Each structure stands twice: as C-alpha cells, then as structure tokens.
Amino acid sequence: MTSTSVVEQPETYTILDRQITLPNVVRDATAAVAFYLVSASAAQKLIAESGLKVAQILPGRTVCTVGTINYKDSDLDAYHELALTFFVHEPGSHPLPLISAALGMARGSLSAYVHWLPVDGELTCEAGRKIWGFPKFVTQIDIETDGEVERSTLTVDGQLVLTQTVKMGGSRSFTDRKQIAYSLLDGVVSRIPSDMSAEDLGVRMGGATLGLGPHAMADELRSLGLPKKALFTTYMGKMSGRFYAAERSPAPL
C-alpha cells in the first residue's frame, strides 16, 4: 500500500450500542487449523480483486488454511469463527522465488489474506466489518469435541459447506507473535496488524480430515483441489491476542 492512499482507522467505535476500544483483546480461545497445499493459480483467481499475490511455496503451489476459532473470552464476547486464508506477499516487496515464501512460512512471518470469515455472533460481525474490513457474515458454525478430535461444521443458508476434524492436544507455546492479515470488503483492502500468544500448542503432520457439502462456497474449495490430505495441522488449547487499528486502501493495491 502506498503512503498516499492509506487511511488509518480510529481507535474507538460504537458497535450495536457497545463501545469497542482498540486494541481489541482476546483473552481465551481455542484454534484448530489445517494447512493444505493447493494450486497457486486457482488461489490467485480467488483473491485477484485484492491486488495481492499468493506466496508460492513450491512451483505452482501455495498454502491455504481452513481454521476454526472458538472465542471463549474476548472484548467481542464469546463466538465461533471459521476462516479460509491464503499466504501472500507484502505489497511492494521483492521476494526471491519460492525461497522467500518457504522461509517466511517456516518462521511464521508471511502475511495472510482472509478470504472467508463467517461467524455466529452479531456483535463480532458488525465490529469485524466496520473496524477491520473483515468479510464477516453471520451463519451457523458448530464445534464439537470427541476424545482427542475437534469437529467443526459450517452451514450457510441451510446447506452444508464443510466439515473438518483436527486432532487436539499439545505442549508447545509461543508469546507475542506479530501477524499481518489482509482482507477485502466493498472494494477496500484492509491491512490488520495483530499479535498472538498460545499455550498447549500441538503441531502435527496431517492430522485433519475435510469433507465438502453442496453449497457454492464449497465449490471454491473444490477449485483449489480440495478435499485432500493436510500438509500439517495446528491446535491451540489456549490462544490470546490483540487486534490493532487497520489501514485501508482502495483495491487493487
């Protein structure tokens, strides 16, 4: 984003008669995320309007994530969220082919473009759209646990979009990891900084199953070559973090 086009958003908003002050704080959540190797050209078509470029991990391949977050305690109350994201390069950067993306993924420093972000709460939907420009909408998201497995189901307009299972458990942790997310809403691209900490983190090769339903959103996943075996999965037994003010710029970048 160029300095002449960027507009930084204010720090305080009124959303559904609630005052929301940034940074928005998440105190306790769980997150189950599967990472899939998919067609870079198909992913680029899905995010083309943003002007961003997907990061190729291998020739012709990029990584998308399908992840569900169960927000138990946050400034936007308790709710469920499901995200489809793609790793992307920062605008204006000049990454080395493949090498930069692979290193960035290994270090956790690649930016993420948020293509879907359905939620099951009105407050988080309104706040997400108005404050950060996230493409949120309210629908049914069910999260169940069975032994060592978490099952997430996304239903839109009464039709199944997807069901994903991810293995739970872990003993790793990290603190204050900086992240950049991008999103596109109503012709405006947002750049959203945040930081995240995690406890009881598990990282596994594979570790997920993905099933797709008849809804049109599932067809977008099919265009990527899904369902398929996950590269790896992560499960955070306790996640916390802060979301800061967004920068807005007309699309394309």
C-alpha atoms as a PDB file:
ATOM      1  CA  MET A   1       0.000   0.000   0.000  1.00  0.00           C
ATOM      2  CA  THR A   2       1.323   3.423  -0.815  1.00  0.00           C
ATOM      3  CA  SER A   3       1.579   6.116   1.826  1.00  0.00           C
ATOM      4  CA  THR A   4      -0.680   8.468  -0.181  1.00  0.00           C
ATOM      5  CA  SER A   5      -3.617   6.036  -0.249  1.00  0.00           C
ATOM      6  CA  VAL A   6      -3.515   4.505   3.220  1.00  0.00           C
ATOM      7  CA  VAL A   7      -6.123   5.644   5.741  1.00  0.00           C
ATOM      8  CA  GLU A   8      -5.605   4.557   9.354  1.00  0.00           C
ATOM      9  CA  GLN A   9      -8.789   3.872  11.267  1.00  0.00           C
ATOM     10  CA  PRO A  10      -9.765   5.398  14.643  1.00  0.00           C
ATOM     11  CA  GLU A  11      -9.186   3.674  17.978  1.00  0.00           C
ATOM     12  CA  THR A  12     -12.745   3.730  19.379  1.00  0.00           C
ATOM     13  CA  TYR A  13     -16.026   2.637  17.775  1.00  0.00           C
ATOM     14  CA  THR A  14     -19.634   2.260  18.831  1.00  0.00           C
ATOM     15  CA  ILE A  15     -20.959  -1.096  17.621  1.00  0.00           C
ATOM     16  CA  LEU A  16     -24.534  -2.163  18.443  1.00  0.00           C
ATOM     17  CA  ASP A  17     -24.582   0.317  21.348  1.00  0.00           C
ATOM     18  CA  ARG A  18     -21.270  -1.046  22.702  1.00  0.00           C
ATOM     19  CA  GLN A  19     -18.077   0.991  22.854  1.00  0.00           C
ATOM     20  CA  ILE A  20     -15.204  -1.005  21.366  1.00  0.00           C
ATOM     21  CA  THR A  21     -11.699   0.336  22.015  1.00  0.00           C
ATOM     22  CA  LEU A  22      -8.568  -0.838  20.232  1.00  0.00           C
ATOM     23  CA  PRO A  23      -6.583  -2.898  20.602  1.00  0.00           C
ATOM     24  CA  ASN A  24      -9.329  -5.472  20.776  1.00  0.00           C
ATOM     25  CA  VAL A  25      -8.283  -8.129  23.280  1.00  0.00           C
ATOM     26  CA  VAL A  26      -8.820 -11.890  23.101  1.00  0.00           C
ATOM     27  CA  ARG A  27      -8.153 -13.478  26.488  1.00  0.00           C
ATOM     28  CA  ASP A  28      -9.052 -17.105  25.872  1.00  0.00           C
ATOM     29  CA  ALA A  29      -9.781 -19.046  22.687  1.00  0.00           C
ATOM     30  CA  THR A  30      -9.042 -22.364  21.046  1.00  0.00           C
ATOM     31  CA  ALA A  31      -7.963 -22.666  17.409  1.00  0.00           C
ATOM     32  CA  ALA A  32      -7.906 -25.713  15.119  1.00  0.00           C
ATOM     33  CA  VAL A  33      -6.206 -25.015  11.776  1.00  0.00           C
ATOM     34  CA  ALA A  34      -5.366 -27.276   8.826  1.00  0.00           C
ATOM     35  CA  PHE A  35      -2.802 -26.270   6.187  1.00  0.00           C
ATOM     36  CA  TYR A  36      -3.353 -27.500   2.612  1.00  0.00           C
ATOM     37  CA  LEU A  37      -1.072 -27.358  -0.425  1.00  0.00           C
ATOM     38  CA  VAL A  38      -3.210 -26.079  -3.315  1.00  0.00           C
ATOM     39  CA  SER A  39      -2.981 -24.688  -6.835  1.00  0.00           C
ATOM     40  CA  ALA A  40      -1.393 -21.228  -6.783  1.00  0.00           C
ATOM     41  CA  SER A  41      -3.185 -20.159  -9.977  1.00  0.00           C
ATOM     42  CA  ALA A  42      -6.584 -21.213  -8.595  1.00  0.00           C
ATOM     43  CA  ALA A  43      -5.885 -19.377  -5.329  1.00  0.00           C
ATOM     44  CA  GLN A  44      -4.774 -16.280  -7.217  1.00  0.00           C
ATOM     45  CA  LYS A  45      -8.090 -16.218  -9.101  1.00  0.00           C
ATOM     46  CA  LEU A  46      -9.992 -16.218  -5.808  1.00  0.00           C
ATOM     47  CA  ILE A  47      -8.065 -13.244  -4.382  1.00  0.00           C
ATOM     48  CA  ALA A  48      -7.453 -11.349  -7.653  1.00  0.00           C
ATOM     49  CA  GLU A  49      -9.652  -8.366  -6.755  1.00  0.00           C
ATOM     50  CA  SER A  50      -7.438  -7.579  -3.753  1.00  0.00           C
ATOM     51  CA  GLY A  51      -4.361  -6.983  -5.909  1.00  0.00           C
ATOM     52  CA  LEU A  52      -2.316  -9.216  -3.590  1.00  0.00           C
ATOM     53  CA  LYS A  53      -0.108 -12.053  -4.803  1.00  0.00           C
ATOM     54  CA  VAL A  54      -0.166 -15.522  -3.273  1.00  0.00           C
ATOM     55  CA  ALA A  55       3.146 -16.841  -1.975  1.00  0.00           C
ATOM     56  CA  GLN A  56       4.293 -19.935  -3.874  1.00  0.00           C
ATOM     57  CA  ILE A  57       5.830 -22.476  -1.528  1.00  0.00           C
ATOM     58  CA  LEU A  58       6.570 -24.901  -4.389  1.00  0.00           C
ATOM     59  CA  PRO A  59       6.368 -24.310  -8.160  1.00  0.00           C
ATOM     60  CA  GLY A  60       2.695 -23.675  -8.917  1.00  0.00           C
ATOM     61  CA  ARG A  61       1.649 -24.396  -5.332  1.00  0.00           C
ATOM     62  CA  THR A  62       0.630 -22.219  -2.404  1.00  0.00           C
ATOM     63  CA  VAL A  63      -0.803 -22.928   1.033  1.00  0.00           C
ATOM     64  CA  CYS A  64      -4.317 -22.194   2.219  1.00  0.00           C
ATOM     65  CA  THR A  65      -5.628 -22.723   5.721  1.00  0.00           C
ATOM     66  CA  VAL A  66      -9.057 -23.765   6.947  1.00  0.00           C
ATOM     67  CA  GLY A  67      -9.335 -22.935  10.613  1.00  0.00           C
ATOM     68  CA  THR A  68     -11.973 -22.656  13.314  1.00  0.00           C
ATOM     69  CA  ILE A  69     -11.611 -20.463  16.376  1.00  0.00           C
ATOM     70  CA  ASN A  70     -13.753 -20.804  19.479  1.00  0.00           C
ATOM     71  CA  TYR A  71     -13.565 -17.409  21.210  1.00  0.00           C
ATOM     72  CA  LYS A  72     -14.427 -18.067  24.849  1.00  0.00           C
ATOM     73  CA  ASP A  73     -13.484 -14.688  26.376  1.00  0.00           C
ATOM     74  CA  SER A  74     -12.902 -11.583  24.262  1.00  0.00           C
ATOM     75  CA  ASP A  75     -13.875  -7.924  24.031  1.00  0.00           C
ATOM     76  CA  LEU A  76     -16.433  -9.043  21.418  1.00  0.00           C
ATOM     77  CA  ASP A  77     -17.915 -11.684  23.733  1.00  0.00           C
ATOM     78  CA  ALA A  78     -17.959 -15.424  23.037  1.00  0.00           C
ATOM     79  CA  TYR A  79     -18.453 -16.690  19.474  1.00  0.00           C
ATOM     80  CA  HIS A  80     -17.299 -19.133  16.804  1.00  0.00           C
ATOM     81  CA  GLU A  81     -15.423 -18.176  13.636  1.00  0.00           C
ATOM     82  CA  LEU A  82     -14.224 -20.082  10.571  1.00  0.00           C
ATOM     83  CA  ALA A  83     -11.507 -18.675   8.316  1.00  0.00           C
ATOM     84  CA  LEU A  84     -10.233 -19.553   4.855  1.00  0.00           C
ATOM     85  CA  THR A  85      -6.891 -17.805   4.341  1.00  0.00           C
ATOM     86  CA  PHE A  86      -4.030 -17.740   1.842  1.00  0.00           C
ATOM     87  CA  PHE A  87      -0.393 -16.855   2.436  1.00  0.00           C
ATOM     88  CA  VAL A  88       0.511 -13.686   0.487  1.00  0.00           C
ATOM     89  CA  HIS A  89       3.475 -11.402  -0.063  1.00  0.00           C
ATOM     90  CA  GLU A  90       3.520  -7.868   1.326  1.00  0.00           C
ATOM     91  CA  PRO A  91       2.716  -5.305  -1.407  1.00  0.00           C
ATOM     92  CA  GLY A  92       5.843  -3.699  -2.794  1.00  0.00           C
ATOM     93  CA  SER A  93       8.114  -6.490  -1.588  1.00  0.00           C
ATOM     94  CA  HIS A  94      10.510  -8.259  -3.939  1.00  0.00           C
ATOM     95  CA  PRO A  95      10.703 -11.813  -2.614  1.00  0.00           C
ATOM     96  CA  LEU A  96      13.022 -14.409  -4.075  1.00  0.00           C
ATOM     97  CA  PRO A  97      11.019 -17.041  -5.955  1.00  0.00           C
ATOM     98  CA  LEU A  98       9.949 -19.896  -3.648  1.00  0.00           C
ATOM     99  CA  ILE A  99      12.789 -19.329  -1.173  1.00  0.00           C
ATOM    100  CA  SER A 100      11.249 -16.274   0.499  1.00  0.00           C
ATOM    101  CA  ALA A 101       7.845 -17.913   0.815  1.00  0.00           C
ATOM    102  CA  ALA A 102       9.251 -21.137   2.242  1.00  0.00           C
ATOM    103  CA  LEU A 103      11.384 -19.285   4.792  1.00  0.00           C
ATOM    104  CA  GLY A 104       8.504 -16.969   5.705  1.00  0.00           C
ATOM    105  CA  MET A 105       6.188 -19.893   6.276  1.00  0.00           C
ATOM    106  CA  ALA A 106       8.767 -21.673   8.435  1.00  0.00           C
ATOM    107  CA  ARG A 107       9.312 -18.527  10.515  1.00  0.00           C
ATOM    108  CA  GLY A 108       5.619 -17.635  10.744  1.00  0.00           C
ATOM    109  CA  SER A 109       6.271 -14.245   9.127  1.00  0.00           C
ATOM    110  CA  LEU A 110       4.169 -14.499   5.948  1.00  0.00           C
ATOM    111  CA  SER A 111       1.078 -12.323   5.761  1.00  0.00           C
ATOM    112  CA  ALA A 112      -2.353 -13.930   5.416  1.00  0.00           C
ATOM    113  CA  TYR A 113      -5.220 -12.903   3.165  1.00  0.00           C
ATOM    114  CA  VAL A 114      -8.594 -13.665   4.770  1.00  0.00           C
ATOM    115  CA  HIS A 115     -10.947 -14.815   2.021  1.00  0.00           C
ATOM    116  CA  TRP A 116     -13.795 -16.113   4.216  1.00  0.00           C
ATOM    117  CA  LEU A 117     -14.629 -15.196   7.790  1.00  0.00           C
ATOM    118  CA  PRO A 118     -18.131 -16.367   8.753  1.00  0.00           C
ATOM    119  CA  VAL A 119     -19.067 -16.019  12.436  1.00  0.00           C
ATOM    120  CA  ASP A 120     -22.065 -16.912  14.610  1.00  0.00           C
ATOM    121  CA  GLY A 121     -22.409 -13.614  16.532  1.00  0.00           C
ATOM    122  CA  GLU A 122     -23.928 -10.269  15.549  1.00  0.00           C
ATOM    123  CA  LEU A 123     -21.525  -8.101  17.589  1.00  0.00           C
ATOM    124  CA  THR A 124     -18.370  -9.644  16.163  1.00  0.00           C
ATOM    125  CA  CYS A 125     -19.844  -9.491  12.657  1.00  0.00           C
ATOM    126  CA  GLU A 126     -20.619  -5.783  12.829  1.00  0.00           C
ATOM    127  CA  ALA A 127     -17.336  -4.973  14.553  1.00  0.00           C
ATOM    128  CA  GLY A 128     -15.297  -7.072  12.144  1.00  0.00           C
ATOM    129  CA  ARG A 129     -16.775  -5.390   9.091  1.00  0.00           C
ATOM    130  CA  LYS A 130     -16.760  -1.825  10.397  1.00  0.00           C
ATOM    131  CA  ILE A 131     -13.480  -1.740  12.358  1.00  0.00           C
ATOM    132  CA  TRP A 132     -11.206  -4.005  10.304  1.00  0.00           C
ATOM    133  CA  GLY A 133     -12.961  -4.599   6.974  1.00  0.00           C
ATOM    134  CA  PHE A 134     -13.133  -8.346   7.517  1.00  0.00           C
ATOM    135  CA  PRO A 135     -15.610 -10.185   5.217  1.00  0.00           C
ATOM    136  CA  LYS A 136     -17.711 -11.434   8.118  1.00  0.00           C
ATOM    137  CA  PHE A 137     -21.283 -12.661   7.910  1.00  0.00           C
ATOM    138  CA  VAL A 138     -23.473 -14.467  10.433  1.00  0.00           C
ATOM    139  CA  THR A 139     -24.237 -18.129   9.914  1.00  0.00           C
ATOM    140  CA  GLN A 140     -24.219 -21.500  11.709  1.00  0.00           C
ATOM    141  CA  ILE A 141     -20.847 -22.791  12.938  1.00  0.00           C
ATOM    142  CA  ASP A 142     -20.836 -25.864  15.146  1.00  0.00           C
ATOM    143  CA  ILE A 143     -17.782 -27.018  17.116  1.00  0.00           C
ATOM    144  CA  GLU A 144     -17.776 -30.350  18.938  1.00  0.00           C
ATOM    145  CA  THR A 145     -15.059 -32.353  20.669  1.00  0.00           C
ATOM    146  CA  ASP A 146     -14.891 -36.129  20.783  1.00  0.00           C
ATOM    147  CA  GLY A 147     -11.949 -37.562  22.657  1.00  0.00           C
ATOM    148  CA  GLU A 148      -8.808 -36.157  21.013  1.00  0.00           C
ATOM    149  CA  VAL A 149     -10.602 -34.695  17.982  1.00  0.00           C
ATOM    150  CA  GLU A 150     -12.374 -31.384  17.362  1.00  0.00           C
ATOM    151  CA  ARG A 151     -15.034 -31.349  14.649  1.00  0.00           C
ATOM    152  CA  SER A 152     -16.131 -28.084  13.015  1.00  0.00           C
ATOM    153  CA  THR A 153     -19.131 -27.742  10.711  1.00  0.00           C
ATOM    154  CA  LEU A 154     -20.008 -24.698   8.578  1.00  0.00           C
ATOM    155  CA  THR A 155     -23.597 -24.394   7.319  1.00  0.00           C
ATOM    156  CA  VAL A 156     -24.768 -21.467   5.156  1.00  0.00           C
ATOM    157  CA  ASP A 157     -28.362 -20.890   4.009  1.00  0.00           C
ATOM    158  CA  GLY A 158     -29.280 -24.293   5.372  1.00  0.00           C
ATOM    159  CA  GLN A 159     -26.687 -26.076   3.208  1.00  0.00           C
ATOM    160  CA  LEU A 160     -23.505 -27.774   4.343  1.00  0.00           C
ATOM    161  CA  VAL A 161     -20.299 -26.038   3.255  1.00  0.00           C
ATOM    162  CA  LEU A 162     -17.714 -28.151   5.048  1.00  0.00           C
ATOM    163  CA  THR A 163     -16.919 -30.375   7.977  1.00  0.00           C
ATOM    164  CA  GLN A 164     -13.346 -30.567   9.260  1.00  0.00           C
ATOM    165  CA  THR A 165     -11.797 -32.590  12.060  1.00  0.00           C
ATOM    166  CA  VAL A 166      -8.471 -31.700  13.671  1.00  0.00           C
ATOM    167  CA  LYS A 167      -6.562 -33.635  16.320  1.00  0.00           C
ATOM    168  CA  MET A 168      -6.332 -31.790  19.633  1.00  0.00           C
ATOM    169  CA  GLY A 169      -3.609 -31.550  22.261  1.00  0.00           C
ATOM    170  CA  GLY A 170      -0.088 -30.197  22.514  1.00  0.00           C
ATOM    171  CA  SER A 171       2.527 -28.861  24.911  1.00  0.00           C
ATOM    172  CA  ARG A 172       4.296 -26.110  22.957  1.00  0.00           C
ATOM    173  CA  SER A 173       3.846 -22.364  23.408  1.00  0.00           C
ATOM    174  CA  PHE A 174       4.813 -19.004  21.948  1.00  0.00           C
ATOM    175  CA  THR A 175       4.386 -15.393  23.027  1.00  0.00           C
ATOM    176  CA  ASP A 176       3.518 -12.128  21.254  1.00  0.00           C
ATOM    177  CA  ARG A 177       3.961 -13.358  17.697  1.00  0.00           C
ATOM    178  CA  LYS A 178       3.333 -10.459  15.313  1.00  0.00           C
ATOM    179  CA  GLN A 179       0.971 -11.074  12.424  1.00  0.00           C
ATOM    180  CA  ILE A 180      -0.378  -9.158   9.433  1.00  0.00           C
ATOM    181  CA  ALA A 181      -3.723 -10.034   7.875  1.00  0.00           C
ATOM    182  CA  TYR A 182      -5.304  -8.592   4.736  1.00  0.00           C
ATOM    183  CA  SER A 183      -8.951  -8.545   3.735  1.00  0.00           C
ATOM    184  CA  LEU A 184     -11.181  -7.125   1.017  1.00  0.00           C
ATOM    185  CA  LEU A 185     -14.637  -5.670   1.677  1.00  0.00           C
ATOM    186  CA  ASP A 186     -16.701  -3.360  -0.546  1.00  0.00           C
ATOM    187  CA  GLY A 187     -13.750  -2.565  -2.791  1.00  0.00           C
ATOM    188  CA  VAL A 188     -11.428  -1.612   0.068  1.00  0.00           C
ATOM    189  CA  VAL A 189      -8.345  -3.590   1.129  1.00  0.00           C
ATOM    190  CA  SER A 190      -7.513  -3.578   4.846  1.00  0.00           C
ATOM    191  CA  ARG A 191      -4.148  -4.351   6.427  1.00  0.00           C
ATOM    192  CA  ILE A 192      -4.704  -5.533  10.011  1.00  0.00           C
ATOM    193  CA  PRO A 193      -1.831  -5.949  12.487  1.00  0.00           C
ATOM    194  CA  SER A 194      -2.204  -8.220  15.491  1.00  0.00           C
ATOM    195  CA  ASP A 195      -0.174 -10.218  17.959  1.00  0.00           C
ATOM    196  CA  MET A 196      -0.881 -13.654  19.331  1.00  0.00           C
ATOM    197  CA  SER A 197       0.256 -15.929  22.148  1.00  0.00           C
ATOM    198  CA  ALA A 198      -0.526 -19.616  22.539  1.00  0.00           C
ATOM    199  CA  GLU A 199      -0.329 -22.368  25.123  1.00  0.00           C
ATOM    200  CA  ASP A 200      -0.966 -26.101  24.762  1.00  0.00           C
ATOM    201  CA  LEU A 201       0.018 -25.869  21.102  1.00  0.00           C
ATOM    202  CA  GLY A 202       0.216 -29.022  19.026  1.00  0.00           C
ATOM    203  CA  VAL A 203       1.726 -29.253  15.520  1.00  0.00           C
ATOM    204  CA  ARG A 204       1.227 -32.456  13.505  1.00  0.00           C
ATOM    205  CA  MET A 205       1.875 -33.703  10.019  1.00  0.00           C
ATOM    206  CA  GLY A 206      -1.530 -34.413   8.501  1.00  0.00           C
ATOM    207  CA  GLY A 207      -3.929 -34.543  11.433  1.00  0.00           C
ATOM    208  CA  ALA A 208      -7.101 -33.382   9.647  1.00  0.00           C
ATOM    209  CA  THR A 209      -9.989 -34.656   7.546  1.00  0.00           C
ATOM    210  CA  LEU A 210     -12.039 -32.321   5.340  1.00  0.00           C
ATOM    211  CA  GLY A 211     -15.436 -33.025   3.820  1.00  0.00           C
ATOM    212  CA  LEU A 212     -17.307 -30.691   1.457  1.00  0.00           C
ATOM    213  CA  GLY A 213     -21.023 -30.115   1.047  1.00  0.00           C
ATOM    214  CA  PRO A 214     -23.238 -28.861  -1.811  1.00  0.00           C
ATOM    215  CA  HIS A 215     -23.112 -25.115  -1.041  1.00  0.00           C
ATOM    216  CA  ALA A 216     -21.465 -22.819  -3.618  1.00  0.00           C
ATOM    217  CA  MET A 217     -18.771 -21.872  -1.102  1.00  0.00           C
ATOM    218  CA  ALA A 218     -17.628 -25.484  -1.149  1.00  0.00           C
ATOM    219  CA  ASP A 219     -17.142 -25.172  -4.909  1.00  0.00           C
ATOM    220  CA  GLU A 220     -14.434 -22.572  -4.241  1.00  0.00           C
ATOM    221  CA  LEU A 221     -12.591 -25.168  -2.185  1.00  0.00           C
ATOM    222  CA  ARG A 222     -13.039 -27.730  -4.939  1.00  0.00           C
ATOM    223  CA  SER A 223     -11.488 -25.265  -7.407  1.00  0.00           C
ATOM    224  CA  LEU A 224      -8.354 -25.387  -5.252  1.00  0.00           C
ATOM    225  CA  GLY A 225      -8.189 -29.172  -5.435  1.00  0.00           C
ATOM    226  CA  LEU A 226      -9.764 -29.852  -2.048  1.00  0.00           C
ATOM    227  CA  PRO A 227     -10.560 -32.043  -0.204  1.00  0.00           C
ATOM    228  CA  LYS A 228      -7.132 -33.631   0.167  1.00  0.00           C
ATOM    229  CA  LYS A 229      -4.747 -34.615   2.911  1.00  0.00           C
ATOM    230  CA  ALA A 230      -3.495 -31.714   5.021  1.00  0.00           C
ATOM    231  CA  LEU A 231       0.190 -30.848   4.979  1.00  0.00           C
ATOM    232  CA  PHE A 232       0.004 -30.305   8.718  1.00  0.00           C
ATOM    233  CA  THR A 233      -2.315 -29.039  11.432  1.00  0.00           C
ATOM    234  CA  THR A 234      -2.027 -26.849  14.483  1.00  0.00           C
ATOM    235  CA  TYR A 235      -4.196 -26.886  17.582  1.00  0.00           C
ATOM    236  CA  MET A 236      -4.015 -24.156  20.218  1.00  0.00           C
ATOM    237  CA  GLY A 237      -5.584 -25.143  23.505  1.00  0.00           C
ATOM    238  CA  LYS A 238      -5.411 -21.558  24.754  1.00  0.00           C
ATOM    239  CA  MET A 239      -4.885 -18.617  22.423  1.00  0.00           C
ATOM    240  CA  SER A 240      -4.794 -14.931  23.373  1.00  0.00           C
ATOM    241  CA  GLY A 241      -4.015 -11.808  21.394  1.00  0.00           C
ATOM    242  CA  ARG A 242      -4.669  -8.223  20.416  1.00  0.00           C
ATOM    243  CA  PHE A 243      -6.037  -6.735  17.185  1.00  0.00           C
ATOM    244  CA  TYR A 244      -4.961  -3.198  16.288  1.00  0.00           C
ATOM    245  CA  ALA A 245      -6.352  -0.477  14.022  1.00  0.00           C
ATOM    246  CA  ALA A 246      -6.500  -1.299  10.318  1.00  0.00           C
ATOM    247  CA  GLU A 247      -5.067   0.620   7.391  1.00  0.00           C
ATOM    248  CA  ARG A 248      -7.428   0.944   4.417  1.00  0.00           C
ATOM    249  CA  SER A 249      -6.639   1.348   0.734  1.00  0.00           C
ATOM    250  CA  PRO A 250      -8.825   1.130  -2.397  1.00  0.00           C
ATOM    251  CA  ALA A 251      -8.371  -2.116  -4.332  1.00  0.00           C
ATOM    252  CA  PRO A 252      -6.344  -3.060  -6.261  1.00  0.00           C
ATOM    253  CA  LEU A 253      -3.159  -2.303  -4.379  1.00  0.00           C
END
